[in-house]
Amino acid sequence: MTKQEYMEKLQEKLERFGRELQEEILEDYRQHFAEGVNEGKSEEEIIEELGNIEEMIRELAEEDLPGEFAQRAMESGAVAERGTKEPARQEDKEERGSANAGAEGHFTYSGSYRAVVLEGKVANIHVERSKDEKIHVDYEAKGVSSQLNYEYYQYEEDGIFYAGVKHRKNLREEDQGEEKMVKVTLFGRTIISYGTVGGFGGGQYITLTVRIPQGLPKLTAKTGSGNIQVSGLELESVDSASGSGNVEIRELVTDRVKGHTGSGNLAVNHTEFISADLGAGSGNISLERIKGKELRCGAGSGNIKVDAAVAEYHLGTGSGNIKVKAVGAAEVVNMSAGSGSVKLELEGAEGMEATVRTSSGSAHIAWGEEEAVKVKNGTYTYGNSACKVKANTGSGSIKVSGK
């Protein structure tokens, strides 16, 4: 069994637990592999040390998860009521919040707003364009735990539409404490995971699907452990962030876009902007068919892959690789990797001034129809020098080409 096969099997077995707990365990295993490789061990030796996945999962389920969780949830016997409501606007936000609280179903809101703010907590958030001038929200809570312990809320304040998921008010404090903390011991280290109750029972999740009208200026969507997906919108600004879930943005036209995830992956596709600020803590960043003026993108340990027509690129990663295909008249391309490799392909540039620097890797540059040549650290000019390129890496290789 290879490392990839082992990790895929581990991820599959962890699916019934909360997202944050999954990621913490997976990250611990990744670190164990990395430490083993540094010590000169083979993948087979490391896998033997890690042991049987089924046994670890069995111990995790029996010893580390709250033992009374499933039983207490079933004994309470309550299930969120389904319903469809179209409430009129109310000035009092508590009244509006309690009118919808806990009900699973579809809600419609009329009104003119200057911004929409969505707070998912443990929920997935999907945002797309409405077919009319109203805001539509579908709230789905699957699984007894999700239905019993969380509820949907909505209110309006200062021209801003707020909606999201919160703990039920009548939930006992000790119950919340039980569900919000899980202890797991791996490789002699104790992991404490918070806010993962949504995934304890397997097949449990909460999803907010929100449709907003064309022309609404601003959107903010944030969640702790869920995924975020924003698509098909045209607005002034978008700010989306997830603690441990994936963030996906596609078919978007905006002035400013921000996207961030702590340990998930971030993807942006078919999007046009003036400025973009994107980041991932330990996940990968993938940008395809995007167009804009300024792109800033950073990853802690993941890879960055870009296919874009942007004037200015500012990209950095701690230990991942950077791969860029820049189409059109790029003006500035700054790329920095701590220990990974850097690769740039310029298409449409009339010239470049390339400054390359690597501590222990190799650097190659190609221009036009010429073959790539190995170069030393320094600055090299081609054509009219219009595009200013800087490529730095600690121990990786550098490849720069233009045509």
Foldseek 3Di string as FASTA:
>chain_A
DAPVVVLVVLLVLCQLWFQQVSLVVSVVLVVLVVVCVVVVHHRVVSDVVQDDSVVQSVCQLPPWAPPCVVVVLVVVPDFAAEDEDEDAADQDQVVQFVVFWLYAYKYKYDDAAQEEEEEEARAEEEEAADPDQIKMKGKDWDDSQRSQFKIKGWHDDPRYTYIYMDGDPPDDPVVQVSQQWTWDAGPNDIDIGGSRNQRNRGPTHIYMYMHHHAERAEYEHEYERYEYEYEHYEHAEYAYEYAAEEYEYEHYEYAEYEYEYEHYEYEYEHYEYAEYAYEYEAEEYEYYAYEYEYYEYEYAAYEYEYEYAYQEAHYEYEHYEYEYEYEAAHQEHEYEYAAEEYEYEYHHHQKAKEFEEEAAAWEWEEEDPDDIDTDHGGIDIDGPNRHYYYYYYYHYYYYYYYD
